[in-house]
Amino acid sequence: MNAPVLEVDDLHVRFGSEREPVHAVRGVGFTLDAGTVMGVVGESGSGKSTTAKAIAGLVPIMQGSVRFHGGPVRHRPGPGGVQMIFQDPIASLNPHRQVRDVVAEPLLITGTSLRRARSQAAEALADVGLDPDIFGGRRARQLSGGQAQRVAIARALLARPALLIADEPVSGLDVSVQAGIINLLHRSVTEQGTALLFVSHDLSVVRSLCESVLVLYRGETCEQGPCSHVLGNPQHPYTRSLIASVPEPGRSLAQVPVASVSAPDSSSVG
């Protein structure tokens, strides 16, 4: 039996000083196999993005471990590596480079010819709904937030990663575009065996894409398990409250139940 692509064990992330620590993530652990999708959900400040960045090696880990194919996470170009789609796409793109070269970068740095890399980048742009003849020659700084997000997704998928960490990848996109992007992500998982860690506040998208789900509250795990079980029959009051807060036609805000949740100590935030 093959080892998991990703193993996270007792992950702790702390910011601030020794005298005034801020515990952003406390004791999170899970495994993720090739060709599977795990959703990470929770309200703003629950520690979702911090968990994703810690796994990617972008914030220091105070305690615990993160293993990629049994070893440390090492970012390497080309297929089989780790890619991340950031929640702020504009900040993740070089504003002065042409979009075609931003997308082609994972291929260019592995020795692919400029002509071939740009040709594949054009296909990737078309896959995310951006006409390469229109957008390929633009600078990243000329893009809207939604366009920049699609460019970041195209670049990440073109790299054919073994592990893709996607932090709110469709939150800034029109509903008409979201379905196409979700289908692209699903195709990467099913056809290329990508392990996808999908951070989102949109439970409907998580239900449709993810096999398993991790629910975070103030940096701690409330529930985790198969998506159908956790979201279909939630056991923790916070999970029930999170699901109940999803807007439904005909239901007023006064009808949304507020759960009484036992919070971690006051020094812990997500």
C-alpha atoms as a PDB file:
ATOM      1  CA  MET A   1       0.000   0.000   0.000  1.00  0.00           C
ATOM      2  CA  ASN A   2       1.381   3.402  -0.993  1.00  0.00           C
ATOM      3  CA  ALA A   3       2.168   5.952   1.696  1.00  0.00           C
ATOM      4  CA  PRO A   4      -0.043   9.063   1.863  1.00  0.00           C
ATOM      5  CA  VAL A   5       1.042  12.045  -0.199  1.00  0.00           C
ATOM      6  CA  LEU A   6       0.612  14.317   2.822  1.00  0.00           C
ATOM      7  CA  GLU A   7       0.853  13.521   6.539  1.00  0.00           C
ATOM      8  CA  VAL A   8       0.182  16.249   9.105  1.00  0.00           C
ATOM      9  CA  ASP A   9       0.741  15.324  12.747  1.00  0.00           C
ATOM     10  CA  ASP A  10      -0.041  17.472  15.813  1.00  0.00           C
ATOM     11  CA  LEU A  11       0.476  20.744  13.935  1.00  0.00           C
ATOM     12  CA  HIS A  12       0.912  23.852  16.102  1.00  0.00           C
ATOM     13  CA  VAL A  13       1.498  27.384  14.836  1.00  0.00           C
ATOM     14  CA  ARG A  14       2.015  30.313  17.184  1.00  0.00           C
ATOM     15  CA  PHE A  15       2.537  33.984  16.471  1.00  0.00           C
ATOM     16  CA  GLY A  16       3.426  36.849  18.790  1.00  0.00           C
ATOM     17  CA  SER A  17       5.829  36.817  21.700  1.00  0.00           C
ATOM     18  CA  GLU A  18       6.424  34.395  24.556  1.00  0.00           C
ATOM     19  CA  ARG A  19       4.610  36.790  26.882  1.00  0.00           C
ATOM     20  CA  GLU A  20       1.676  37.379  24.523  1.00  0.00           C
ATOM     21  CA  PRO A  21       1.375  34.294  22.317  1.00  0.00           C
ATOM     22  CA  VAL A  22      -1.304  33.904  19.677  1.00  0.00           C
ATOM     23  CA  HIS A  23      -2.060  30.236  19.063  1.00  0.00           C
ATOM     24  CA  ALA A  24      -3.276  30.167  15.473  1.00  0.00           C
ATOM     25  CA  VAL A  25      -3.287  26.377  15.025  1.00  0.00           C
ATOM     26  CA  ARG A  26      -3.298  23.767  17.780  1.00  0.00           C
ATOM     27  CA  GLY A  27      -2.966  20.008  17.351  1.00  0.00           C
ATOM     28  CA  VAL A  28      -4.280  19.630  13.797  1.00  0.00           C
ATOM     29  CA  GLY A  29      -3.549  16.288  12.148  1.00  0.00           C
ATOM     30  CA  PHE A  30      -4.678  14.314   9.092  1.00  0.00           C
ATOM     31  CA  THR A  31      -3.453  12.360   6.062  1.00  0.00           C
ATOM     32  CA  LEU A  32      -4.206  12.891   2.387  1.00  0.00           C
ATOM     33  CA  ASP A  33      -3.807  10.230  -0.290  1.00  0.00           C
ATOM     34  CA  ALA A  34      -3.139  10.624  -3.992  1.00  0.00           C
ATOM     35  CA  GLY A  35      -6.258  11.255  -6.043  1.00  0.00           C
ATOM     36  CA  THR A  36      -8.336  12.452  -3.089  1.00  0.00           C
ATOM     37  CA  VAL A  37      -9.692  15.798  -1.924  1.00  0.00           C
ATOM     38  CA  MET A  38      -9.965  17.045   1.660  1.00  0.00           C
ATOM     39  CA  GLY A  39     -11.933  20.187   2.440  1.00  0.00           C
ATOM     40  CA  VAL A  40     -10.909  22.493   5.272  1.00  0.00           C
ATOM     41  CA  VAL A  41     -13.800  24.617   6.541  1.00  0.00           C
ATOM     42  CA  GLY A  42     -14.528  27.071   9.317  1.00  0.00           C
ATOM     43  CA  GLU A  43     -15.418  30.693   9.864  1.00  0.00           C
ATOM     44  CA  SER A  44     -12.981  33.547   9.221  1.00  0.00           C
ATOM     45  CA  GLY A  45     -10.202  33.384  11.795  1.00  0.00           C
ATOM     46  CA  SER A  46     -10.561  29.645  12.366  1.00  0.00           C
ATOM     47  CA  GLY A  47      -7.008  28.900  11.215  1.00  0.00           C
ATOM     48  CA  LYS A  48      -7.735  27.573   7.714  1.00  0.00           C
ATOM     49  CA  SER A  49      -5.249  29.725   5.810  1.00  0.00           C
ATOM     50  CA  THR A  50      -2.602  29.450   8.527  1.00  0.00           C
ATOM     51  CA  THR A  51      -2.862  25.661   8.381  1.00  0.00           C
ATOM     52  CA  ALA A  52      -2.488  25.734   4.586  1.00  0.00           C
ATOM     53  CA  LYS A  53       0.537  28.035   4.719  1.00  0.00           C
ATOM     54  CA  ALA A  54       2.182  25.972   7.449  1.00  0.00           C
ATOM     55  CA  ILE A  55       1.805  22.828   5.345  1.00  0.00           C
ATOM     56  CA  ALA A  56       3.336  24.670   2.379  1.00  0.00           C
ATOM     57  CA  GLY A  57       6.250  25.763   4.562  1.00  0.00           C
ATOM     58  CA  LEU A  58       5.383  29.449   4.395  1.00  0.00           C
ATOM     59  CA  VAL A  59       4.937  30.004   8.143  1.00  0.00           C
ATOM     60  CA  PRO A  60       7.053  28.393  10.880  1.00  0.00           C
ATOM     61  CA  ILE A  61       5.731  25.391  12.772  1.00  0.00           C
ATOM     62  CA  MET A  62       6.080  25.537  16.540  1.00  0.00           C
ATOM     63  CA  GLN A  63       5.317  21.848  17.107  1.00  0.00           C
ATOM     64  CA  GLY A  64       4.380  18.772  15.108  1.00  0.00           C
ATOM     65  CA  SER A  65       5.369  17.660  11.633  1.00  0.00           C
ATOM     66  CA  VAL A  66       4.382  17.867   7.979  1.00  0.00           C
ATOM     67  CA  ARG A  67       5.569  15.111   5.628  1.00  0.00           C
ATOM     68  CA  PHE A  68       5.266  15.039   1.841  1.00  0.00           C
ATOM     69  CA  HIS A  69       5.757  11.537   0.425  1.00  0.00           C
ATOM     70  CA  GLY A  70       7.338  10.581   3.729  1.00  0.00           C
ATOM     71  CA  GLY A  71       9.835  13.457   3.860  1.00  0.00           C
ATOM     72  CA  PRO A  72       9.899  17.223   4.395  1.00  0.00           C
ATOM     73  CA  VAL A  73       7.992  19.495   2.047  1.00  0.00           C
ATOM     74  CA  ARG A  74      10.432  20.690  -0.593  1.00  0.00           C
ATOM     75  CA  HIS A  75       9.175  22.945  -3.330  1.00  0.00           C
ATOM     76  CA  ARG A  76      10.517  21.807  -6.649  1.00  0.00           C
ATOM     77  CA  PRO A  77       9.516  22.837 -10.151  1.00  0.00           C
ATOM     78  CA  GLY A  78       7.742  20.564 -12.547  1.00  0.00           C
ATOM     79  CA  PRO A  79       5.448  17.575 -12.113  1.00  0.00           C
ATOM     80  CA  GLY A  80       5.198  15.787  -8.789  1.00  0.00           C
ATOM     81  CA  GLY A  81       5.846  18.776  -6.565  1.00  0.00           C
ATOM     82  CA  VAL A  82       3.770  21.031  -4.339  1.00  0.00           C
ATOM     83  CA  GLN A  83       1.777  23.996  -5.642  1.00  0.00           C
ATOM     84  CA  MET A  84      -0.371  26.493  -3.760  1.00  0.00           C
ATOM     85  CA  ILE A  85      -3.176  28.737  -4.959  1.00  0.00           C
ATOM     86  CA  PHE A  86      -3.277  31.726  -2.623  1.00  0.00           C
ATOM     87  CA  GLN A  87      -6.326  33.512  -1.305  1.00  0.00           C
ATOM     88  CA  ASP A  88      -4.872  36.823  -2.556  1.00  0.00           C
ATOM     89  CA  PRO A  89      -4.061  36.011  -6.192  1.00  0.00           C
ATOM     90  CA  ILE A  90      -2.829  39.468  -7.188  1.00  0.00           C
ATOM     91  CA  ALA A  91      -0.112  39.412  -4.530  1.00  0.00           C
ATOM     92  CA  SER A  92       1.040  35.977  -5.733  1.00  0.00           C
ATOM     93  CA  LEU A  93       1.710  37.082  -9.337  1.00  0.00           C
ATOM     94  CA  ASN A  94       4.640  39.111 -10.630  1.00  0.00           C
ATOM     95  CA  PRO A  95       2.900  42.328 -11.684  1.00  0.00           C
ATOM     96  CA  HIS A  96       5.446  43.181 -14.385  1.00  0.00           C
ATOM     97  CA  ARG A  97       5.513  39.913 -16.334  1.00  0.00           C
ATOM     98  CA  GLN A  98       3.223  38.965 -19.171  1.00  0.00           C
ATOM     99  CA  VAL A  99       0.458  36.588 -18.203  1.00  0.00           C
ATOM    100  CA  ARG A 100       1.584  33.937 -20.721  1.00  0.00           C
ATOM    101  CA  ASP A 101       4.995  33.784 -19.035  1.00  0.00           C
ATOM    102  CA  VAL A 102       3.541  33.805 -15.520  1.00  0.00           C
ATOM    103  CA  VAL A 103       1.513  30.714 -16.390  1.00  0.00           C
ATOM    104  CA  ALA A 104       4.373  29.073 -18.299  1.00  0.00           C
ATOM    105  CA  GLU A 105       6.875  29.590 -15.463  1.00  0.00           C
ATOM    106  CA  PRO A 106       6.643  26.033 -13.989  1.00  0.00           C
ATOM    107  CA  LEU A 107       7.597  24.661 -17.414  1.00  0.00           C
ATOM    108  CA  LEU A 108      10.247  27.259 -18.237  1.00  0.00           C
ATOM    109  CA  ILE A 109      12.239  26.609 -15.071  1.00  0.00           C
ATOM    110  CA  THR A 110      12.372  22.885 -15.866  1.00  0.00           C
ATOM    111  CA  GLY A 111      13.963  23.507 -19.274  1.00  0.00           C
ATOM    112  CA  THR A 112      10.914  23.440 -21.547  1.00  0.00           C
ATOM    113  CA  SER A 113      11.417  25.625 -24.604  1.00  0.00           C
ATOM    114  CA  LEU A 114       9.775  29.042 -24.550  1.00  0.00           C
ATOM    115  CA  ARG A 115       7.650  28.216 -27.595  1.00  0.00           C
ATOM    116  CA  ARG A 116       6.321  24.957 -26.147  1.00  0.00           C
ATOM    117  CA  ALA A 117       5.791  26.420 -22.674  1.00  0.00           C
ATOM    118  CA  ARG A 118       3.822  29.344 -24.067  1.00  0.00           C
ATOM    119  CA  SER A 119       1.729  26.991 -26.202  1.00  0.00           C
ATOM    120  CA  GLN A 120       0.779  24.922 -23.153  1.00  0.00           C
ATOM    121  CA  ALA A 121       0.200  28.098 -21.135  1.00  0.00           C
ATOM    122  CA  ALA A 122      -2.249  29.257 -23.801  1.00  0.00           C
ATOM    123  CA  GLU A 123      -4.178  26.004 -23.433  1.00  0.00           C
ATOM    124  CA  ALA A 124      -4.191  26.385 -19.642  1.00  0.00           C
ATOM    125  CA  LEU A 125      -5.535  29.936 -19.920  1.00  0.00           C
ATOM    126  CA  ALA A 126      -8.291  28.766 -22.232  1.00  0.00           C
ATOM    127  CA  ASP A 127      -9.162  26.018 -19.745  1.00  0.00           C
ATOM    128  CA  VAL A 128      -9.859  28.629 -17.038  1.00  0.00           C
ATOM    129  CA  GLY A 129     -11.937  30.770 -19.390  1.00  0.00           C
ATOM    130  CA  LEU A 130      -9.364  33.406 -20.372  1.00  0.00           C
ATOM    131  CA  ASP A 131      -8.743  33.974 -24.086  1.00  0.00           C
ATOM    132  CA  PRO A 132      -4.956  33.633 -24.475  1.00  0.00           C
ATOM    133  CA  ASP A 133      -4.950  36.023 -27.452  1.00  0.00           C
ATOM    134  CA  ILE A 134      -6.479  38.713 -25.243  1.00  0.00           C
ATOM    135  CA  PHE A 135      -4.925  38.009 -21.863  1.00  0.00           C
ATOM    136  CA  GLY A 136      -1.625  36.327 -22.735  1.00  0.00           C
ATOM    137  CA  GLY A 137       0.137  39.594 -23.537  1.00  0.00           C
ATOM    138  CA  ARG A 138      -1.229  41.571 -20.597  1.00  0.00           C
ATOM    139  CA  ARG A 139       0.780  42.286 -17.493  1.00  0.00           C
ATOM    140  CA  ALA A 140      -0.441  40.679 -14.297  1.00  0.00           C
ATOM    141  CA  ARG A 141      -0.997  44.150 -12.805  1.00  0.00           C
ATOM    142  CA  GLN A 142      -3.639  44.785 -15.471  1.00  0.00           C
ATOM    143  CA  LEU A 143      -5.874  41.953 -14.290  1.00  0.00           C
ATOM    144  CA  SER A 144      -8.931  42.106 -12.084  1.00  0.00           C
ATOM    145  CA  GLY A 145      -9.005  40.001  -8.935  1.00  0.00           C
ATOM    146  CA  GLY A 146     -11.087  37.275 -10.582  1.00  0.00           C
ATOM    147  CA  GLN A 147      -8.862  37.196 -13.659  1.00  0.00           C
ATOM    148  CA  ALA A 148      -5.739  37.001 -11.487  1.00  0.00           C
ATOM    149  CA  GLN A 149      -7.281  34.090  -9.586  1.00  0.00           C
ATOM    150  CA  ARG A 150      -7.853  32.183 -12.809  1.00  0.00           C
ATOM    151  CA  VAL A 151      -4.279  32.866 -13.926  1.00  0.00           C
ATOM    152  CA  ALA A 152      -2.986  31.512 -10.609  1.00  0.00           C
ATOM    153  CA  ILE A 153      -5.132  28.391 -11.007  1.00  0.00           C
ATOM    154  CA  ALA A 154      -3.911  27.861 -14.586  1.00  0.00           C
ATOM    155  CA  ARG A 155      -0.275  28.154 -13.466  1.00  0.00           C
ATOM    156  CA  ALA A 156      -0.730  25.717 -10.578  1.00  0.00           C
ATOM    157  CA  LEU A 157      -2.507  23.083 -12.684  1.00  0.00           C
ATOM    158  CA  LEU A 158      -0.014  23.376 -15.543  1.00  0.00           C
ATOM    159  CA  ALA A 159       2.712  22.319 -13.102  1.00  0.00           C
ATOM    160  CA  ARG A 160       0.911  18.958 -12.572  1.00  0.00           C
ATOM    161  CA  PRO A 161       1.624  18.873  -8.822  1.00  0.00           C
ATOM    162  CA  ALA A 162       1.383  15.808  -6.611  1.00  0.00           C
ATOM    163  CA  LEU A 163      -0.051  18.048  -3.889  1.00  0.00           C
ATOM    164  CA  LEU A 164      -2.169  21.123  -4.598  1.00  0.00           C
ATOM    165  CA  ILE A 165      -3.100  23.402  -1.706  1.00  0.00           C
ATOM    166  CA  ALA A 166      -5.949  25.685  -2.773  1.00  0.00           C
ATOM    167  CA  ASP A 167      -6.916  28.496  -0.401  1.00  0.00           C
ATOM    168  CA  GLU A 168     -10.376  29.796  -1.355  1.00  0.00           C
ATOM    169  CA  PRO A 169      -9.630  29.254  -5.066  1.00  0.00           C
ATOM    170  CA  VAL A 170     -13.112  30.093  -6.361  1.00  0.00           C
ATOM    171  CA  SER A 171     -14.342  32.620  -3.799  1.00  0.00           C
ATOM    172  CA  GLY A 172     -13.653  35.631  -6.041  1.00  0.00           C
ATOM    173  CA  LEU A 173     -15.157  34.131  -9.178  1.00  0.00           C
ATOM    174  CA  ASP A 174     -18.572  34.492 -10.753  1.00  0.00           C
ATOM    175  CA  VAL A 175     -20.853  31.527 -10.199  1.00  0.00           C
ATOM    176  CA  SER A 176     -20.833  30.877 -13.948  1.00  0.00           C
ATOM    177  CA  VAL A 177     -17.031  30.471 -13.838  1.00  0.00           C
ATOM    178  CA  GLN A 178     -16.850  28.513 -10.579  1.00  0.00           C
ATOM    179  CA  ALA A 179     -18.324  25.325 -12.042  1.00  0.00           C
ATOM    180  CA  GLY A 180     -15.707  25.211 -14.784  1.00  0.00           C
ATOM    181  CA  ILE A 181     -12.863  25.685 -12.287  1.00  0.00           C
ATOM    182  CA  ILE A 182     -14.251  23.000  -9.973  1.00  0.00           C
ATOM    183  CA  ASN A 183     -14.402  20.632 -12.939  1.00  0.00           C
ATOM    184  CA  LEU A 184     -10.760  21.417 -13.772  1.00  0.00           C
ATOM    185  CA  LEU A 185      -9.691  20.684 -10.198  1.00  0.00           C
ATOM    186  CA  HIS A 186     -11.692  17.459 -10.202  1.00  0.00           C
ATOM    187  CA  ARG A 187     -10.068  16.415 -13.483  1.00  0.00           C
ATOM    188  CA  SER A 188      -6.602  17.027 -12.021  1.00  0.00           C
ATOM    189  CA  VAL A 189      -7.481  14.788  -9.081  1.00  0.00           C
ATOM    190  CA  THR A 190      -9.046  11.964 -11.085  1.00  0.00           C
ATOM    191  CA  GLU A 191      -6.788  11.959 -14.167  1.00  0.00           C
ATOM    192  CA  GLN A 192      -3.435  12.994 -12.686  1.00  0.00           C
ATOM    193  CA  GLY A 193      -3.808  11.630  -9.157  1.00  0.00           C
ATOM    194  CA  THR A 194      -3.334  15.020  -7.540  1.00  0.00           C
ATOM    195  CA  ALA A 195      -3.906  15.196  -3.785  1.00  0.00           C
ATOM    196  CA  LEU A 196      -5.967  18.343  -3.231  1.00  0.00           C
ATOM    197  CA  LEU A 197      -6.312  20.247   0.045  1.00  0.00           C
ATOM    198  CA  PHE A 198      -9.262  22.546  -0.585  1.00  0.00           C
ATOM    199  CA  VAL A 199      -9.727  25.441   1.846  1.00  0.00           C
ATOM    200  CA  SER A 200     -13.144  27.043   1.552  1.00  0.00           C
ATOM    201  CA  HIS A 201     -16.024  28.662   3.397  1.00  0.00           C
ATOM    202  CA  ASP A 202     -18.474  27.500   0.716  1.00  0.00           C
ATOM    203  CA  LEU A 203     -19.988  24.289   2.056  1.00  0.00           C
ATOM    204  CA  SER A 204     -21.896  23.574  -1.150  1.00  0.00           C
ATOM    205  CA  VAL A 205     -18.640  23.461  -3.123  1.00  0.00           C
ATOM    206  CA  VAL A 206     -17.020  21.319  -0.427  1.00  0.00           C
ATOM    207  CA  ARG A 207     -19.934  18.867  -0.574  1.00  0.00           C
ATOM    208  CA  SER A 208     -19.622  18.519  -4.348  1.00  0.00           C
ATOM    209  CA  LEU A 209     -15.824  18.186  -4.565  1.00  0.00           C
ATOM    210  CA  CYS A 210     -14.424  16.701  -1.359  1.00  0.00           C
ATOM    211  CA  GLU A 211     -14.413  13.134  -0.058  1.00  0.00           C
ATOM    212  CA  SER A 212     -13.412  14.200   3.449  1.00  0.00           C
ATOM    213  CA  VAL A 213     -13.604  17.381   5.481  1.00  0.00           C
ATOM    214  CA  LEU A 214     -11.789  18.966   8.415  1.00  0.00           C
ATOM    215  CA  VAL A 215     -13.742  21.496  10.491  1.00  0.00           C
ATOM    216  CA  LEU A 216     -11.635  24.067  12.351  1.00  0.00           C
ATOM    217  CA  TYR A 217     -12.668  26.391  15.158  1.00  0.00           C
ATOM    218  CA  ARG A 218     -10.137  28.806  16.651  1.00  0.00           C
ATOM    219  CA  GLY A 219      -7.298  26.736  15.311  1.00  0.00           C
ATOM    220  CA  GLU A 220      -8.515  23.415  16.693  1.00  0.00           C
ATOM    221  CA  THR A 221     -10.228  20.456  15.062  1.00  0.00           C
ATOM    222  CA  CYS A 222     -13.941  20.188  15.823  1.00  0.00           C
ATOM    223  CA  GLU A 223     -14.722  17.296  13.517  1.00  0.00           C
ATOM    224  CA  GLN A 224     -13.133  15.452  10.634  1.00  0.00           C
ATOM    225  CA  GLY A 225     -14.080  12.499   8.519  1.00  0.00           C
ATOM    226  CA  PRO A 226     -15.999  11.601   5.343  1.00  0.00           C
ATOM    227  CA  CYS A 227     -17.728  14.670   3.948  1.00  0.00           C
ATOM    228  CA  SER A 228     -21.097  12.952   3.754  1.00  0.00           C
ATOM    229  CA  HIS A 229     -20.926  12.009   7.438  1.00  0.00           C
ATOM    230  CA  VAL A 230     -19.568  15.267   8.865  1.00  0.00           C
ATOM    231  CA  LEU A 231     -21.789  17.605   6.849  1.00  0.00           C
ATOM    232  CA  GLY A 232     -24.726  15.205   6.645  1.00  0.00           C
ATOM    233  CA  ASN A 233     -24.816  14.284  10.328  1.00  0.00           C
ATOM    234  CA  PRO A 234     -22.654  16.764  12.279  1.00  0.00           C
ATOM    235  CA  GLN A 235     -21.880  15.850  15.877  1.00  0.00           C
ATOM    236  CA  HIS A 236     -20.208  19.018  17.171  1.00  0.00           C
ATOM    237  CA  PRO A 237     -22.333  22.106  18.015  1.00  0.00           C
ATOM    238  CA  TYR A 238     -19.997  24.353  16.023  1.00  0.00           C
ATOM    239  CA  THR A 239     -20.326  22.208  12.889  1.00  0.00           C
ATOM    240  CA  ARG A 240     -24.101  22.250  13.247  1.00  0.00           C
ATOM    241  CA  SER A 241     -24.041  26.027  13.640  1.00  0.00           C
ATOM    242  CA  LEU A 242     -21.761  26.403  10.612  1.00  0.00           C
ATOM    243  CA  ILE A 243     -24.105  24.354   8.439  1.00  0.00           C
ATOM    244  CA  ALA A 244     -27.192  26.123   9.778  1.00  0.00           C
ATOM    245  CA  SER A 245     -25.682  29.525   8.926  1.00  0.00           C
ATOM    246  CA  VAL A 246     -25.763  28.776   5.188  1.00  0.00           C
ATOM    247  CA  PRO A 247     -28.467  31.048   3.706  1.00  0.00           C
ATOM    248  CA  GLU A 248     -31.670  29.344   2.637  1.00  0.00           C
ATOM    249  CA  PRO A 249     -34.564  30.916   0.716  1.00  0.00           C
ATOM    250  CA  GLY A 250     -37.407  31.881   3.017  1.00  0.00           C
ATOM    251  CA  ARG A 251     -35.384  31.708   6.244  1.00  0.00           C
ATOM    252  CA  SER A 252     -34.666  34.921   8.133  1.00  0.00           C
ATOM    253  CA  LEU A 253     -31.496  35.595  10.112  1.00  0.00           C
ATOM    254  CA  ALA A 254     -33.523  35.352  13.304  1.00  0.00           C
ATOM    255  CA  GLN A 255     -34.223  31.703  12.480  1.00  0.00           C
ATOM    256  CA  VAL A 256     -30.531  30.778  12.244  1.00  0.00           C
ATOM    257  CA  PRO A 257     -29.552  28.935  15.444  1.00  0.00           C
ATOM    258  CA  VAL A 258     -26.520  30.104  17.372  1.00  0.00           C
ATOM    259  CA  ALA A 259     -24.555  27.270  18.912  1.00  0.00           C
ATOM    260  CA  SER A 260     -23.011  27.408  22.342  1.00  0.00           C
ATOM    261  CA  VAL A 261     -19.452  26.294  21.665  1.00  0.00           C
ATOM    262  CA  SER A 262     -16.792  25.665  24.275  1.00  0.00           C
ATOM    263  CA  ALA A 263     -13.903  27.800  23.056  1.00  0.00           C
ATOM    264  CA  PRO A 264     -10.214  27.251  23.677  1.00  0.00           C
ATOM    265  CA  ASP A 265      -8.524  29.619  26.079  1.00  0.00           C
ATOM    266  CA  SER A 266      -8.597  33.320  25.270  1.00  0.00           C
ATOM    267  CA  SER A 267      -5.038  33.397  23.974  1.00  0.00           C
ATOM    268  CA  SER A 268      -5.961  31.128  21.057  1.00  0.00           C
ATOM    269  CA  VAL A 269      -7.244  32.561  17.792  1.00  0.00           C
ATOM    270  CA  GLY A 270      -7.281  31.329  14.215  1.00  0.00           C
END
